């Protein structure tokens, strides 16, 4: 198996430095952006496998000469190493009801470590296979112990518990995202409840503004997009990659 890793990305490129894919004689896992760039890299990787080579490098301009119009330039390193360990941000989903379970499932393929948290073992037992769950009678302690940059999504079966968790989360200025399921009315009620607390960081309702569909899977899809957008946000100086 050959690892193809983007070690330098300048200008407009389909993936940033650090992107990886893996090439075997008959299969490919992951992507460095697709298009002619990826075809060239796969061909080189399979040539390495055939020749028994361990290391190679490719410096590729993404212009008309290879049939792409990004205009950037990437340097690829090809080796026989395993995947580079990734430190993905954490997402704590409080409430294992319909929306909570759907959200945990929607986040499963994304670069985030999602954990579904509840006080009810029977609800956690309904989570899809592979979903990380945590049973606790004191869910607020999970927020106190969370790493900086964690996302907190609150959608329990109890408004009072929602408010308690939201207050706990908003007391952590180092969290990347604090969201609560509900409505404009619920947000107004929470603002009155949380006197003396800056509620401007609270996203409530979550996943709103794009659809009136209230099916759990639809709410989860929009919330997952909202959440991953926040977690992967970059500075305004970052150039946008092209679509291939």
C-alpha atoms as a PDB file:
ATOM      1  CA  UNK A   1       0.000   0.000   0.000  1.00  0.00           C
ATOM      2  CA  UNK A   2       1.306   3.446  -0.955  1.00  0.00           C
ATOM      3  CA  UNK A   3       0.342   6.563   1.008  1.00  0.00           C
ATOM      4  CA  UNK A   4      -0.041   9.707  -1.108  1.00  0.00           C
ATOM      5  CA  UNK A   5       0.141  12.832   1.031  1.00  0.00           C
ATOM      6  CA  UNK A   6      -0.194  16.491   0.079  1.00  0.00           C
ATOM      7  CA  UNK A   7       2.812  18.126   1.730  1.00  0.00           C
ATOM      8  CA  UNK A   8       2.492  21.539   0.053  1.00  0.00           C
ATOM      9  CA  UNK A   9      -0.501  23.316  -1.491  1.00  0.00           C
ATOM     10  CA  UNK A  10      -0.072  26.754  -3.028  1.00  0.00           C
ATOM     11  CA  UNK A  11      -2.742  28.817  -4.718  1.00  0.00           C
ATOM     12  CA  UNK A  12      -6.106  27.274  -5.547  1.00  0.00           C
ATOM     13  CA  UNK A  13      -5.949  23.553  -4.861  1.00  0.00           C
ATOM     14  CA  UNK A  14      -8.601  20.839  -4.399  1.00  0.00           C
ATOM     15  CA  UNK A  15      -7.216  19.698  -1.022  1.00  0.00           C
ATOM     16  CA  UNK A  16      -5.014  21.310   1.598  1.00  0.00           C
ATOM     17  CA  UNK A  17      -1.653  20.149   2.908  1.00  0.00           C
ATOM     18  CA  UNK A  18      -2.111  17.046   5.045  1.00  0.00           C
ATOM     19  CA  UNK A  19      -4.713  15.364   2.827  1.00  0.00           C
ATOM     20  CA  UNK A  20      -3.951  11.682   2.305  1.00  0.00           C
ATOM     21  CA  UNK A  21      -5.049   8.756   0.205  1.00  0.00           C
ATOM     22  CA  UNK A  22      -3.881   5.148  -0.044  1.00  0.00           C
ATOM     23  CA  UNK A  23      -3.309   3.113  -3.176  1.00  0.00           C
ATOM     24  CA  UNK A  24      -3.056  -0.647  -3.466  1.00  0.00           C
ATOM     25  CA  UNK A  25      -2.733  -2.845  -6.544  1.00  0.00           C
ATOM     26  CA  UNK A  26      -6.508  -3.114  -6.908  1.00  0.00           C
ATOM     27  CA  UNK A  27      -8.049  -0.443  -4.701  1.00  0.00           C
ATOM     28  CA  UNK A  28      -7.947   3.174  -3.542  1.00  0.00           C
ATOM     29  CA  UNK A  29      -8.986   4.724  -0.219  1.00  0.00           C
ATOM     30  CA  UNK A  30      -9.426   8.436   0.379  1.00  0.00           C
ATOM     31  CA  UNK A  31      -8.802  11.317  -2.020  1.00  0.00           C
ATOM     32  CA  UNK A  32      -6.382  14.160  -2.662  1.00  0.00           C
ATOM     33  CA  UNK A  33      -8.911  15.998  -4.796  1.00  0.00           C
ATOM     34  CA  UNK A  34      -9.806  13.893  -7.799  1.00  0.00           C
ATOM     35  CA  UNK A  35      -9.293  14.750 -11.440  1.00  0.00           C
ATOM     36  CA  UNK A  36      -6.103  14.370 -13.426  1.00  0.00           C
ATOM     37  CA  UNK A  37      -3.983  15.171 -10.363  1.00  0.00           C
ATOM     38  CA  UNK A  38      -5.273  12.080  -8.603  1.00  0.00           C
ATOM     39  CA  UNK A  39      -5.013   9.858 -11.697  1.00  0.00           C
ATOM     40  CA  UNK A  40      -1.368  10.845 -12.093  1.00  0.00           C
ATOM     41  CA  UNK A  41      -0.643  10.151  -8.431  1.00  0.00           C
ATOM     42  CA  UNK A  42      -2.370   6.760  -8.535  1.00  0.00           C
ATOM     43  CA  UNK A  43      -0.378   5.764 -11.620  1.00  0.00           C
ATOM     44  CA  UNK A  44       2.865   6.771  -9.893  1.00  0.00           C
ATOM     45  CA  UNK A  45       1.903   4.880  -6.727  1.00  0.00           C
ATOM     46  CA  UNK A  46       1.163   1.682  -8.655  1.00  0.00           C
ATOM     47  CA  UNK A  47       4.451   2.022 -10.507  1.00  0.00           C
ATOM     48  CA  UNK A  48       6.170   2.221  -7.105  1.00  0.00           C
ATOM     49  CA  UNK A  49       4.407  -0.962  -6.009  1.00  0.00           C
ATOM     50  CA  UNK A  50       5.464  -2.747  -9.173  1.00  0.00           C
ATOM     51  CA  UNK A  51       9.083  -1.568  -8.868  1.00  0.00           C
ATOM     52  CA  UNK A  52       9.370  -2.078  -5.100  1.00  0.00           C
ATOM     53  CA  UNK A  53      10.096   1.609  -4.408  1.00  0.00           C
ATOM     54  CA  UNK A  54       9.526   3.092  -0.937  1.00  0.00           C
ATOM     55  CA  UNK A  55       9.608   6.854  -1.496  1.00  0.00           C
ATOM     56  CA  UNK A  56       8.862   9.332  -4.277  1.00  0.00           C
ATOM     57  CA  UNK A  57       7.757  12.930  -4.710  1.00  0.00           C
ATOM     58  CA  UNK A  58       5.671  14.759  -7.310  1.00  0.00           C
ATOM     59  CA  UNK A  59       5.518  18.534  -7.911  1.00  0.00           C
ATOM     60  CA  UNK A  60       2.420  19.199 -10.012  1.00  0.00           C
ATOM     61  CA  UNK A  61       1.151  22.522 -11.448  1.00  0.00           C
ATOM     62  CA  UNK A  62      -2.647  22.457 -11.655  1.00  0.00           C
ATOM     63  CA  UNK A  63      -2.975  24.088 -15.033  1.00  0.00           C
ATOM     64  CA  UNK A  64      -4.051  23.367 -18.616  1.00  0.00           C
ATOM     65  CA  UNK A  65      -1.043  21.118 -19.184  1.00  0.00           C
ATOM     66  CA  UNK A  66      -2.661  18.401 -17.055  1.00  0.00           C
ATOM     67  CA  UNK A  67      -6.250  19.279 -17.915  1.00  0.00           C
ATOM     68  CA  UNK A  68      -7.149  21.108 -14.706  1.00  0.00           C
ATOM     69  CA  UNK A  69      -7.929  24.764 -14.189  1.00  0.00           C
ATOM     70  CA  UNK A  70      -7.315  25.312 -10.467  1.00  0.00           C
ATOM     71  CA  UNK A  71      -4.198  27.367 -11.104  1.00  0.00           C
ATOM     72  CA  UNK A  72      -2.385  26.239  -7.961  1.00  0.00           C
ATOM     73  CA  UNK A  73       0.460  23.858  -7.354  1.00  0.00           C
ATOM     74  CA  UNK A  74       0.789  20.833  -5.108  1.00  0.00           C
ATOM     75  CA  UNK A  75       3.705  18.758  -3.919  1.00  0.00           C
ATOM     76  CA  UNK A  76       2.910  15.129  -3.156  1.00  0.00           C
ATOM     77  CA  UNK A  77       4.951  12.679  -1.150  1.00  0.00           C
ATOM     78  CA  UNK A  78       4.448   8.978  -1.824  1.00  0.00           C
ATOM     79  CA  UNK A  79       5.620   6.442   0.743  1.00  0.00           C
ATOM     80  CA  UNK A  80       4.715   3.208   2.472  1.00  0.00           C
ATOM     81  CA  UNK A  81       3.674   4.749   5.803  1.00  0.00           C
ATOM     82  CA  UNK A  82       0.330   4.278   7.496  1.00  0.00           C
ATOM     83  CA  UNK A  83      -2.246   7.023   8.033  1.00  0.00           C
ATOM     84  CA  UNK A  84      -1.058  10.121   9.858  1.00  0.00           C
ATOM     85  CA  UNK A  85      -2.834  10.317  13.251  1.00  0.00           C
ATOM     86  CA  UNK A  86      -5.550  12.960  13.140  1.00  0.00           C
ATOM     87  CA  UNK A  87      -6.621  15.036  16.131  1.00  0.00           C
ATOM     88  CA  UNK A  88     -10.253  15.656  15.236  1.00  0.00           C
ATOM     89  CA  UNK A  89     -12.364  18.008  17.372  1.00  0.00           C
ATOM     90  CA  UNK A  90     -14.894  16.555  19.785  1.00  0.00           C
ATOM     91  CA  UNK A  91     -18.658  16.957  19.508  1.00  0.00           C
ATOM     92  CA  UNK A  92     -20.745  16.240  22.596  1.00  0.00           C
ATOM     93  CA  UNK A  93     -24.372  15.491  21.715  1.00  0.00           C
ATOM     94  CA  UNK A  94     -26.586  15.749  24.786  1.00  0.00           C
ATOM     95  CA  UNK A  95     -29.830  13.834  24.328  1.00  0.00           C
ATOM     96  CA  UNK A  96     -30.188  10.432  22.669  1.00  0.00           C
ATOM     97  CA  UNK A  97     -33.692  10.986  21.348  1.00  0.00           C
ATOM     98  CA  UNK A  98     -34.644  10.910  17.674  1.00  0.00           C
ATOM     99  CA  UNK A  99     -32.700  14.022  16.653  1.00  0.00           C
ATOM    100  CA  UNK A 100     -29.693  13.207  18.815  1.00  0.00           C
ATOM    101  CA  UNK A 101     -29.354   9.730  17.340  1.00  0.00           C
ATOM    102  CA  UNK A 102     -29.828  11.076  13.811  1.00  0.00           C
ATOM    103  CA  UNK A 103     -27.199  13.766  14.398  1.00  0.00           C
ATOM    104  CA  UNK A 104     -24.670  11.266  15.759  1.00  0.00           C
ATOM    105  CA  UNK A 105     -25.207   9.175  12.637  1.00  0.00           C
ATOM    106  CA  UNK A 106     -24.875  12.202  10.338  1.00  0.00           C
ATOM    107  CA  UNK A 107     -21.565  13.140  11.969  1.00  0.00           C
ATOM    108  CA  UNK A 108     -20.164   9.589  11.823  1.00  0.00           C
ATOM    109  CA  UNK A 109     -18.332   9.958   8.460  1.00  0.00           C
ATOM    110  CA  UNK A 110     -17.133  13.505   9.170  1.00  0.00           C
ATOM    111  CA  UNK A 111     -13.796  14.552  10.741  1.00  0.00           C
ATOM    112  CA  UNK A 112     -15.179  14.928  14.249  1.00  0.00           C
ATOM    113  CA  UNK A 113     -15.262  12.686  17.327  1.00  0.00           C
ATOM    114  CA  UNK A 114     -18.957  12.608  18.234  1.00  0.00           C
ATOM    115  CA  UNK A 115     -20.267  11.177  21.505  1.00  0.00           C
ATOM    116  CA  UNK A 116     -23.962  10.672  22.260  1.00  0.00           C
ATOM    117  CA  UNK A 117     -24.695  11.382  25.935  1.00  0.00           C
ATOM    118  CA  UNK A 118     -27.810  10.630  27.956  1.00  0.00           C
ATOM    119  CA  UNK A 119     -29.098   9.612  31.366  1.00  0.00           C
ATOM    120  CA  UNK A 120     -31.348   6.953  29.832  1.00  0.00           C
ATOM    121  CA  UNK A 121     -29.718   3.642  28.892  1.00  0.00           C
ATOM    122  CA  UNK A 122     -32.736   2.559  26.863  1.00  0.00           C
ATOM    123  CA  UNK A 123     -32.328   5.540  24.513  1.00  0.00           C
ATOM    124  CA  UNK A 124     -28.576   5.094  24.131  1.00  0.00           C
ATOM    125  CA  UNK A 125     -29.207   1.456  23.242  1.00  0.00           C
ATOM    126  CA  UNK A 126     -31.083   2.635  20.122  1.00  0.00           C
ATOM    127  CA  UNK A 127     -28.017   4.382  18.674  1.00  0.00           C
ATOM    128  CA  UNK A 128     -26.706   3.054  15.373  1.00  0.00           C
ATOM    129  CA  UNK A 129     -23.752   0.688  15.332  1.00  0.00           C
ATOM    130  CA  UNK A 130     -20.410   2.391  15.726  1.00  0.00           C
ATOM    131  CA  UNK A 131     -21.768   5.462  17.537  1.00  0.00           C
ATOM    132  CA  UNK A 132     -19.835   6.348  20.693  1.00  0.00           C
ATOM    133  CA  UNK A 133     -22.210   6.663  23.665  1.00  0.00           C
ATOM    134  CA  UNK A 134     -21.832   7.741  27.272  1.00  0.00           C
ATOM    135  CA  UNK A 135     -24.299   7.080  30.086  1.00  0.00           C
ATOM    136  CA  UNK A 136     -24.128   9.560  32.954  1.00  0.00           C
ATOM    137  CA  UNK A 137     -26.481  10.973  35.603  1.00  0.00           C
ATOM    138  CA  UNK A 138     -24.493  14.234  35.559  1.00  0.00           C
ATOM    139  CA  UNK A 139     -24.095  15.280  31.914  1.00  0.00           C
ATOM    140  CA  UNK A 140     -22.931  18.776  32.840  1.00  0.00           C
ATOM    141  CA  UNK A 141     -19.628  17.338  34.062  1.00  0.00           C
ATOM    142  CA  UNK A 142     -18.884  16.311  30.474  1.00  0.00           C
ATOM    143  CA  UNK A 143     -18.904  19.980  29.508  1.00  0.00           C
ATOM    144  CA  UNK A 144     -16.622  20.960  32.379  1.00  0.00           C
ATOM    145  CA  UNK A 145     -14.125  18.297  31.354  1.00  0.00           C
ATOM    146  CA  UNK A 146     -14.323  18.946  27.604  1.00  0.00           C
ATOM    147  CA  UNK A 147     -11.253  19.884  25.588  1.00  0.00           C
ATOM    148  CA  UNK A 148     -10.917  23.409  24.216  1.00  0.00           C
ATOM    149  CA  UNK A 149     -12.443  23.580  20.746  1.00  0.00           C
ATOM    150  CA  UNK A 150     -15.181  21.075  21.547  1.00  0.00           C
ATOM    151  CA  UNK A 151     -18.669  21.482  20.075  1.00  0.00           C
ATOM    152  CA  UNK A 152     -21.666  21.098  22.376  1.00  0.00           C
ATOM    153  CA  UNK A 153     -25.092  20.272  20.940  1.00  0.00           C
ATOM    154  CA  UNK A 154     -27.995  20.223  23.394  1.00  0.00           C
ATOM    155  CA  UNK A 155     -31.227  18.393  22.556  1.00  0.00           C
ATOM    156  CA  UNK A 156     -32.416  16.563  25.636  1.00  0.00           C
ATOM    157  CA  UNK A 157     -35.968  15.605  26.560  1.00  0.00           C
ATOM    158  CA  UNK A 158     -36.098  18.230  29.325  1.00  0.00           C
ATOM    159  CA  UNK A 159     -36.060  22.024  28.831  1.00  0.00           C
ATOM    160  CA  UNK A 160     -34.704  22.596  32.330  1.00  0.00           C
ATOM    161  CA  UNK A 161     -31.795  20.248  31.588  1.00  0.00           C
ATOM    162  CA  UNK A 162     -31.241  21.954  28.240  1.00  0.00           C
ATOM    163  CA  UNK A 163     -30.962  25.302  30.004  1.00  0.00           C
ATOM    164  CA  UNK A 164     -28.605  23.918  32.666  1.00  0.00           C
ATOM    165  CA  UNK A 165     -26.313  22.486  30.008  1.00  0.00           C
ATOM    166  CA  UNK A 166     -26.425  25.652  27.926  1.00  0.00           C
ATOM    167  CA  UNK A 167     -25.393  27.777  30.905  1.00  0.00           C
ATOM    168  CA  UNK A 168     -22.537  25.372  31.599  1.00  0.00           C
ATOM    169  CA  UNK A 169     -21.411  25.474  27.970  1.00  0.00           C
ATOM    170  CA  UNK A 170     -21.614  29.255  27.631  1.00  0.00           C
ATOM    171  CA  UNK A 171     -19.379  29.577  30.683  1.00  0.00           C
ATOM    172  CA  UNK A 172     -16.651  28.011  28.524  1.00  0.00           C
ATOM    173  CA  UNK A 173     -15.423  30.693  26.071  1.00  0.00           C
ATOM    174  CA  UNK A 174     -13.051  28.160  24.524  1.00  0.00           C
ATOM    175  CA  UNK A 175     -15.780  25.937  23.045  1.00  0.00           C
ATOM    176  CA  UNK A 176     -16.054  26.056  19.255  1.00  0.00           C
ATOM    177  CA  UNK A 177     -19.836  25.726  19.043  1.00  0.00           C
ATOM    178  CA  UNK A 178     -22.768  25.770  21.461  1.00  0.00           C
ATOM    179  CA  UNK A 179     -26.114  24.839  19.942  1.00  0.00           C
ATOM    180  CA  UNK A 180     -29.530  24.050  21.405  1.00  0.00           C
ATOM    181  CA  UNK A 181     -32.579  22.609  19.707  1.00  0.00           C
ATOM    182  CA  UNK A 182     -35.721  24.713  19.961  1.00  0.00           C
ATOM    183  CA  UNK A 183     -37.294  27.854  18.581  1.00  0.00           C
ATOM    184  CA  UNK A 184     -37.065  31.617  18.850  1.00  0.00           C
ATOM    185  CA  UNK A 185     -39.454  31.376  21.813  1.00  0.00           C
ATOM    186  CA  UNK A 186     -37.233  28.862  23.587  1.00  0.00           C
ATOM    187  CA  UNK A 187     -34.218  31.083  22.977  1.00  0.00           C
ATOM    188  CA  UNK A 188     -36.068  34.061  24.487  1.00  0.00           C
ATOM    189  CA  UNK A 189     -37.030  31.957  27.521  1.00  0.00           C
ATOM    190  CA  UNK A 190     -33.420  30.874  27.968  1.00  0.00           C
ATOM    191  CA  UNK A 191     -32.163  34.464  27.692  1.00  0.00           C
ATOM    192  CA  UNK A 192     -34.458  35.443  30.562  1.00  0.00           C
ATOM    193  CA  UNK A 193     -33.370  32.384  32.532  1.00  0.00           C
ATOM    194  CA  UNK A 194     -29.655  32.989  31.999  1.00  0.00           C
ATOM    195  CA  UNK A 195     -29.426  36.498  33.425  1.00  0.00           C
ATOM    196  CA  UNK A 196     -25.902  37.830  33.493  1.00  0.00           C
ATOM    197  CA  UNK A 197     -24.664  35.333  30.887  1.00  0.00           C
ATOM    198  CA  UNK A 198     -23.676  36.328  27.367  1.00  0.00           C
ATOM    199  CA  UNK A 199     -26.017  34.304  25.160  1.00  0.00           C
ATOM    200  CA  UNK A 200     -24.787  35.733  21.852  1.00  0.00           C
ATOM    201  CA  UNK A 201     -22.715  32.604  21.165  1.00  0.00           C
ATOM    202  CA  UNK A 202     -25.703  30.303  21.509  1.00  0.00           C
ATOM    203  CA  UNK A 203     -27.051  28.845  18.268  1.00  0.00           C
ATOM    204  CA  UNK A 204     -30.766  28.279  18.853  1.00  0.00           C
ATOM    205  CA  UNK A 205     -32.565  26.911  16.998  1.00  0.00           C
ATOM    206  CA  UNK A 206     -29.913  24.667  15.470  1.00  0.00           C
ATOM    207  CA  UNK A 207     -29.839  23.872  11.757  1.00  0.00           C
ATOM    208  CA  UNK A 208     -32.432  26.543  11.014  1.00  0.00           C
ATOM    209  CA  UNK A 209     -33.127  28.819   8.092  1.00  0.00           C
ATOM    210  CA  UNK A 210     -32.944  26.391   5.165  1.00  0.00           C
ATOM    211  CA  UNK A 211     -36.044  24.243   5.548  1.00  0.00           C
ATOM    212  CA  UNK A 212     -39.302  23.992   7.496  1.00  0.00           C
ATOM    213  CA  UNK A 213     -39.058  20.198   7.465  1.00  0.00           C
ATOM    214  CA  UNK A 214     -38.918  18.986  11.066  1.00  0.00           C
ATOM    215  CA  UNK A 215     -38.105  15.337  10.493  1.00  0.00           C
ATOM    216  CA  UNK A 216     -35.210  14.320  12.785  1.00  0.00           C
ATOM    217  CA  UNK A 217     -32.987  13.290   9.876  1.00  0.00           C
ATOM    218  CA  UNK A 218     -33.489  16.637   8.123  1.00  0.00           C
ATOM    219  CA  UNK A 219     -32.758  18.654  11.268  1.00  0.00           C
ATOM    220  CA  UNK A 220     -29.694  16.473  11.833  1.00  0.00           C
ATOM    221  CA  UNK A 221     -28.432  17.021   8.281  1.00  0.00           C
ATOM    222  CA  UNK A 222     -28.639  20.809   8.518  1.00  0.00           C
ATOM    223  CA  UNK A 223     -27.150  20.808  12.007  1.00  0.00           C
ATOM    224  CA  UNK A 224     -24.263  18.601  10.899  1.00  0.00           C
ATOM    225  CA  UNK A 225     -23.536  21.017   8.044  1.00  0.00           C
ATOM    226  CA  UNK A 226     -23.740  24.005  10.392  1.00  0.00           C
ATOM    227  CA  UNK A 227     -21.495  22.313  12.933  1.00  0.00           C
ATOM    228  CA  UNK A 228     -18.821  21.074  10.560  1.00  0.00           C
ATOM    229  CA  UNK A 229     -18.783  24.496   8.920  1.00  0.00           C
ATOM    230  CA  UNK A 230     -17.949  26.051  12.271  1.00  0.00           C
ATOM    231  CA  UNK A 231     -15.367  23.424  13.190  1.00  0.00           C
ATOM    232  CA  UNK A 232     -13.538  23.619   9.876  1.00  0.00           C
ATOM    233  CA  UNK A 233     -13.739  27.397   9.485  1.00  0.00           C
ATOM    234  CA  UNK A 234     -10.524  29.047   8.344  1.00  0.00           C
ATOM    235  CA  UNK A 235      -9.335  32.635   8.185  1.00  0.00           C
ATOM    236  CA  UNK A 236     -10.566  34.956   5.422  1.00  0.00           C
ATOM    237  CA  UNK A 237      -7.055  34.868   3.979  1.00  0.00           C
ATOM    238  CA  UNK A 238      -7.455  31.211   3.086  1.00  0.00           C
ATOM    239  CA  UNK A 239      -8.019  30.743  -0.638  1.00  0.00           C
ATOM    240  CA  UNK A 240     -11.045  28.721  -1.614  1.00  0.00           C
ATOM    241  CA  UNK A 241     -10.271  25.453  -3.421  1.00  0.00           C
ATOM    242  CA  UNK A 242     -11.753  24.862  -6.834  1.00  0.00           C
ATOM    243  CA  UNK A 243     -14.171  22.090  -7.674  1.00  0.00           C
ATOM    244  CA  UNK A 244     -12.854  19.479 -10.025  1.00  0.00           C
END
